[in-house]
Amino acid sequence: MLVIGLTGGIGMGKSAAASHFARSGIPVFNADACVHRLYEGEAVAPIEAAFPGVTRHGKVDRSLLAAQLTGKPKRLKQLEEENARLKKLVASQALDNQLLKELLGKDS
């Protein structure tokens, strides 16, 4: 079984490639969707602690977060550090994902 990870910056075609795979019947784990779920749950507290005022109704408000980052390289670097922790949560959820367990031949 071959497992492929799509990586790259914004606008590099990751979603388009994943959509093509899905249309071809290839199972896809969408890490972007996973991050959006985390921004509504597990990641809310650490993001709010690092960037006070960026949550609304128990979720990270990406536009409020962006407003705190625009033109502030030090804050952007701080978000990159938070994203390193977020990537660990995404990886953990990916490993817990039933689809990936099946792909990798692991028991449920």
N, C-alpha and C. Protein backbone atom coordinates (compact mmCIF):
# COMPACT_ATOMS: atom_id res chain seq x y z
N MET A 1 0.85 -1.18 0.00
CA MET A 1 0.00 0.00 0.00
C MET A 1 0.89 1.23 0.00
N LEU A 2 0.62 2.12 -0.89
CA LEU A 2 1.35 3.37 -1.00
C LEU A 2 0.51 4.48 -0.38
N VAL A 3 1.09 5.22 0.55
CA VAL A 3 0.43 6.37 1.16
C VAL A 3 1.18 7.61 0.71
N ILE A 4 0.44 8.58 0.17
CA ILE A 4 1.04 9.80 -0.37
C ILE A 4 0.57 10.98 0.46
N GLY A 5 1.49 11.86 0.82
CA GLY A 5 1.14 13.10 1.50
C GLY A 5 1.30 14.26 0.55
N LEU A 6 0.28 15.10 0.49
CA LEU A 6 0.34 16.31 -0.35
C LEU A 6 0.73 17.48 0.53
N THR A 7 1.82 18.14 0.22
CA THR A 7 2.28 19.28 1.00
C THR A 7 2.54 20.46 0.07
N GLY A 8 2.59 21.63 0.66
CA GLY A 8 2.89 22.82 -0.13
C GLY A 8 2.21 24.03 0.48
N GLY A 9 2.56 25.17 -0.02
CA GLY A 9 2.01 26.42 0.49
C GLY A 9 0.62 26.69 -0.04
N ILE A 10 0.10 27.84 0.33
CA ILE A 10 -1.22 28.26 -0.11
C ILE A 10 -1.23 28.41 -1.63
N GLY A 11 -2.26 27.89 -2.26
CA GLY A 11 -2.42 28.03 -3.70
C GLY A 11 -1.53 27.12 -4.54
N MET A 12 -0.99 26.07 -3.94
CA MET A 12 -0.08 25.19 -4.67
C MET A 12 -0.79 24.01 -5.34
N GLY A 13 -2.12 23.86 -5.10
CA GLY A 13 -2.87 22.81 -5.78
C GLY A 13 -3.10 21.55 -4.97
N LYS A 14 -2.87 21.61 -3.66
CA LYS A 14 -3.09 20.42 -2.82
C LYS A 14 -4.54 19.97 -2.88
N SER A 15 -5.46 20.90 -2.73
CA SER A 15 -6.89 20.55 -2.73
C SER A 15 -7.31 20.01 -4.09
N ALA A 16 -6.81 20.61 -5.15
CA ALA A 16 -7.14 20.15 -6.50
C ALA A 16 -6.63 18.73 -6.72
N ALA A 17 -5.42 18.47 -6.28
CA ALA A 17 -4.86 17.12 -6.43
C ALA A 17 -5.65 16.11 -5.59
N ALA A 18 -6.00 16.50 -4.36
CA ALA A 18 -6.77 15.60 -3.49
C ALA A 18 -8.14 15.32 -4.11
N SER A 19 -8.76 16.35 -4.67
CA SER A 19 -10.06 16.16 -5.32
C SER A 19 -9.95 15.20 -6.50
N HIS A 20 -8.88 15.34 -7.25
CA HIS A 20 -8.66 14.43 -8.39
C HIS A 20 -8.51 12.99 -7.90
N PHE A 21 -7.74 12.80 -6.83
CA PHE A 21 -7.59 11.45 -6.27
C PHE A 21 -8.94 10.91 -5.82
N ALA A 22 -9.71 11.72 -5.10
CA ALA A 22 -11.01 11.28 -4.59
C ALA A 22 -11.95 10.91 -5.75
N ARG A 23 -11.98 11.73 -6.80
CA ARG A 23 -12.82 11.43 -7.97
C ARG A 23 -12.39 10.12 -8.63
N SER A 24 -11.12 9.78 -8.47
CA SER A 24 -10.60 8.54 -9.06
C SER A 24 -10.79 7.35 -8.13
N GLY A 25 -11.46 7.57 -7.01
CA GLY A 25 -11.73 6.47 -6.09
C GLY A 25 -10.63 6.21 -5.07
N ILE A 26 -9.67 7.11 -4.98
CA ILE A 26 -8.56 6.95 -4.04
C ILE A 26 -8.96 7.62 -2.72
N PRO A 27 -8.89 6.90 -1.60
CA PRO A 27 -9.25 7.50 -0.31
C PRO A 27 -8.32 8.67 0.04
N VAL A 28 -8.91 9.73 0.60
CA VAL A 28 -8.16 10.94 0.94
C VAL A 28 -8.46 11.34 2.38
N PHE A 29 -7.43 11.62 3.16
CA PHE A 29 -7.58 12.24 4.48
C PHE A 29 -7.27 13.71 4.29
N ASN A 30 -8.22 14.58 4.58
CA ASN A 30 -8.08 16.01 4.34
C ASN A 30 -7.60 16.70 5.62
N ALA A 31 -6.32 17.01 5.68
CA ALA A 31 -5.75 17.65 6.87
C ALA A 31 -6.29 19.07 7.05
N ASP A 32 -6.61 19.76 5.96
CA ASP A 32 -7.19 21.11 6.09
C ASP A 32 -8.52 21.05 6.83
N ALA A 33 -9.35 20.09 6.45
CA ALA A 33 -10.64 19.92 7.14
C ALA A 33 -10.41 19.56 8.60
N CYS A 34 -9.39 18.76 8.85
CA CYS A 34 -9.05 18.39 10.23
C CYS A 34 -8.66 19.63 11.03
N VAL A 35 -7.88 20.51 10.44
CA VAL A 35 -7.48 21.75 11.13
C VAL A 35 -8.70 22.60 11.43
N HIS A 36 -9.62 22.68 10.49
CA HIS A 36 -10.84 23.46 10.73
C HIS A 36 -11.62 22.87 11.91
N ARG A 37 -11.68 21.54 12.00
CA ARG A 37 -12.35 20.92 13.16
C ARG A 37 -11.60 21.23 14.45
N LEU A 38 -10.27 21.21 14.40
CA LEU A 38 -9.48 21.52 15.59
C LEU A 38 -9.69 22.98 16.00
N TYR A 39 -9.86 23.87 15.04
CA TYR A 39 -10.12 25.29 15.33
C TYR A 39 -11.50 25.49 15.95
N GLU A 40 -12.29 24.43 15.97
CA GLU A 40 -13.60 24.46 16.62
C GLU A 40 -13.59 23.63 17.90
N GLY A 41 -12.42 23.10 18.28
CA GLY A 41 -12.35 22.23 19.44
C GLY A 41 -11.03 22.32 20.17
N GLU A 42 -10.23 21.29 19.99
CA GLU A 42 -9.01 21.09 20.77
C GLU A 42 -7.98 22.22 20.65
N ALA A 43 -7.94 22.90 19.52
CA ALA A 43 -6.92 23.95 19.32
C ALA A 43 -7.38 25.32 19.81
N VAL A 44 -8.64 25.46 20.19
CA VAL A 44 -9.16 26.77 20.56
C VAL A 44 -8.39 27.37 21.74
N ALA A 45 -8.25 26.62 22.83
CA ALA A 45 -7.61 27.16 24.04
C ALA A 45 -6.16 27.59 23.79
N PRO A 46 -5.32 26.74 23.17
CA PRO A 46 -3.95 27.20 22.96
C PRO A 46 -3.82 28.39 22.00
N ILE A 47 -4.67 28.45 20.98
CA ILE A 47 -4.61 29.58 20.05
C ILE A 47 -5.08 30.85 20.76
N GLU A 48 -6.15 30.73 21.55
CA GLU A 48 -6.65 31.91 22.29
C GLU A 48 -5.62 32.37 23.31
N ALA A 49 -4.91 31.43 23.95
CA ALA A 49 -3.88 31.80 24.93
C ALA A 49 -2.74 32.56 24.26
N ALA A 50 -2.37 32.13 23.06
CA ALA A 50 -1.26 32.77 22.34
C ALA A 50 -1.70 34.07 21.67
N PHE A 51 -2.96 34.13 21.25
CA PHE A 51 -3.49 35.29 20.52
C PHE A 51 -4.83 35.70 21.12
N PRO A 52 -4.82 36.34 22.28
CA PRO A 52 -6.07 36.70 22.96
C PRO A 52 -7.00 37.51 22.06
N GLY A 53 -8.27 37.12 22.09
CA GLY A 53 -9.28 37.84 21.33
C GLY A 53 -9.58 37.29 19.96
N VAL A 54 -8.99 36.14 19.59
CA VAL A 54 -9.19 35.60 18.25
C VAL A 54 -10.26 34.51 18.20
N THR A 55 -10.92 34.26 19.33
CA THR A 55 -11.98 33.26 19.31
C THR A 55 -13.32 33.95 19.47
N ARG A 56 -14.32 33.33 18.88
CA ARG A 56 -15.68 33.84 18.96
C ARG A 56 -16.61 32.62 18.96
N HIS A 57 -17.51 32.58 19.93
CA HIS A 57 -18.47 31.48 20.04
C HIS A 57 -17.77 30.12 20.16
N GLY A 58 -16.65 30.09 20.87
CA GLY A 58 -15.94 28.84 21.12
C GLY A 58 -15.14 28.30 19.96
N LYS A 59 -14.90 29.14 18.95
CA LYS A 59 -14.13 28.73 17.77
C LYS A 59 -13.07 29.77 17.47
N VAL A 60 -11.98 29.33 16.83
CA VAL A 60 -10.98 30.29 16.35
C VAL A 60 -11.59 31.00 15.15
N ASP A 61 -11.62 32.31 15.21
CA ASP A 61 -12.11 33.13 14.09
C ASP A 61 -10.89 33.50 13.25
N ARG A 62 -10.79 32.88 12.10
CA ARG A 62 -9.59 33.05 11.26
C ARG A 62 -9.39 34.49 10.83
N SER A 63 -10.46 35.25 10.63
CA SER A 63 -10.30 36.65 10.23
C SER A 63 -9.74 37.48 11.39
N LEU A 64 -10.17 37.19 12.63
CA LEU A 64 -9.61 37.88 13.78
C LEU A 64 -8.14 37.51 13.97
N LEU A 65 -7.83 36.24 13.74
CA LEU A 65 -6.44 35.80 13.83
C LEU A 65 -5.58 36.50 12.77
N ALA A 66 -6.09 36.55 11.56
CA ALA A 66 -5.36 37.22 10.47
C ALA A 66 -5.11 38.69 10.80
N ALA A 67 -6.09 39.34 11.41
CA ALA A 67 -5.94 40.76 11.77
C ALA A 67 -4.81 40.96 12.77
N GLN A 68 -4.59 39.98 13.65
CA GLN A 68 -3.50 40.10 14.62
C GLN A 68 -2.14 39.81 14.00
N LEU A 69 -2.14 39.22 12.81
CA LEU A 69 -0.87 38.82 12.18
C LEU A 69 -0.40 39.77 11.09
N THR A 70 -1.32 40.48 10.47
CA THR A 70 -1.00 41.32 9.33
C THR A 70 0.06 42.36 9.70
N GLY A 71 1.16 42.31 8.97
CA GLY A 71 2.25 43.27 9.17
C GLY A 71 3.02 43.08 10.46
N LYS A 72 2.90 41.91 11.07
CA LYS A 72 3.58 41.66 12.35
C LYS A 72 4.38 40.36 12.27
N PRO A 73 5.59 40.43 11.73
CA PRO A 73 6.39 39.23 11.52
C PRO A 73 6.63 38.40 12.79
N LYS A 74 6.79 39.08 13.94
CA LYS A 74 7.03 38.33 15.18
C LYS A 74 5.79 37.52 15.56
N ARG A 75 4.61 38.09 15.36
CA ARG A 75 3.37 37.37 15.66
C ARG A 75 3.18 36.20 14.69
N LEU A 76 3.55 36.42 13.43
CA LEU A 76 3.46 35.35 12.45
C LEU A 76 4.37 34.19 12.83
N LYS A 77 5.58 34.51 13.30
CA LYS A 77 6.50 33.48 13.76
C LYS A 77 5.89 32.72 14.94
N GLN A 78 5.24 33.45 15.82
CA GLN A 78 4.58 32.82 16.97
C GLN A 78 3.49 31.85 16.50
N LEU A 79 2.74 32.23 15.46
CA LEU A 79 1.72 31.34 14.92
C LEU A 79 2.37 30.09 14.32
N GLU A 80 3.51 30.26 13.67
CA GLU A 80 4.22 29.12 13.10
C GLU A 80 4.60 28.13 14.21
N GLU A 81 4.99 28.66 15.37
CA GLU A 81 5.31 27.79 16.51
C GLU A 81 4.05 27.07 17.00
N GLU A 82 2.94 27.77 17.05
CA GLU A 82 1.67 27.14 17.44
C GLU A 82 1.27 26.09 16.40
N ASN A 83 1.51 26.38 15.12
CA ASN A 83 1.19 25.43 14.06
C ASN A 83 1.99 24.15 14.18
N ALA A 84 3.21 24.23 14.69
CA ALA A 84 3.99 23.01 14.90
C ALA A 84 3.27 22.09 15.88
N ARG A 85 2.68 22.67 16.93
CA ARG A 85 1.90 21.87 17.88
C ARG A 85 0.61 21.37 17.22
N LEU A 86 0.00 22.21 16.40
CA LEU A 86 -1.23 21.84 15.71
C LEU A 86 -0.98 20.67 14.75
N LYS A 87 0.16 20.67 14.10
CA LYS A 87 0.50 19.57 13.18
C LYS A 87 0.56 18.24 13.92
N LYS A 88 1.01 18.27 15.17
CA LYS A 88 1.03 17.04 15.97
C LYS A 88 -0.38 16.54 16.23
N LEU A 89 -1.31 17.48 16.49
CA LEU A 89 -2.71 17.10 16.69
C LEU A 89 -3.30 16.51 15.40
N VAL A 90 -2.97 17.12 14.27
CA VAL A 90 -3.46 16.63 12.99
C VAL A 90 -2.90 15.22 12.73
N ALA A 91 -1.62 15.03 12.98
CA ALA A 91 -1.01 13.72 12.79
C ALA A 91 -1.66 12.68 13.68
N SER A 92 -1.93 13.06 14.92
CA SER A 92 -2.58 12.15 15.85
C SER A 92 -3.97 11.77 15.35
N GLN A 93 -4.72 12.75 14.87
CA GLN A 93 -6.05 12.45 14.35
C GLN A 93 -5.98 11.64 13.07
N ALA A 94 -4.98 11.89 12.26
CA ALA A 94 -4.82 11.10 11.03
C ALA A 94 -4.56 9.64 11.39
N LEU A 95 -3.73 9.40 12.38
CA LEU A 95 -3.43 8.04 12.79
C LEU A 95 -4.65 7.36 13.41
N ASP A 96 -5.51 8.17 14.05
CA ASP A 96 -6.73 7.63 14.63
C ASP A 96 -7.82 7.42 13.58
N ASN A 97 -7.64 8.00 12.41
CA ASN A 97 -8.63 7.93 11.35
C ASN A 97 -8.81 6.50 10.86
N GLN A 98 -10.04 6.02 10.85
CA GLN A 98 -10.33 4.65 10.44
C GLN A 98 -9.84 4.38 9.02
N LEU A 99 -10.01 5.33 8.13
CA LEU A 99 -9.57 5.17 6.75
C LEU A 99 -8.09 4.85 6.69
N LEU A 100 -7.28 5.61 7.43
CA LEU A 100 -5.84 5.37 7.40
C LEU A 100 -5.50 4.03 8.04
N LYS A 101 -6.22 3.64 9.09
CA LYS A 101 -5.99 2.35 9.70
C LYS A 101 -6.20 1.25 8.66
N GLU A 102 -7.28 1.39 7.90
CA GLU A 102 -7.57 0.39 6.86
C GLU A 102 -6.49 0.42 5.79
N LEU A 103 -6.08 1.62 5.38
CA LEU A 103 -5.06 1.73 4.34
C LEU A 103 -3.74 1.10 4.78
N LEU A 104 -3.41 1.31 6.04
CA LEU A 104 -2.14 0.79 6.55
C LEU A 104 -2.24 -0.62 7.07
N GLY A 105 -3.45 -1.20 7.00
CA GLY A 105 -3.64 -2.59 7.41
C GLY A 105 -3.59 -2.80 8.91
N LYS A 106 -3.92 -1.74 9.68
CA LYS A 106 -3.93 -1.86 11.14
C LYS A 106 -5.32 -2.23 11.60
N ASP A 107 -5.39 -2.95 12.72
CA ASP A 107 -6.69 -3.31 13.28
C ASP A 107 -7.41 -2.09 13.79
N SER A 108 -8.74 -2.13 13.76
CA SER A 108 -9.55 -1.01 14.25
C SER A 108 -9.43 -0.84 15.74
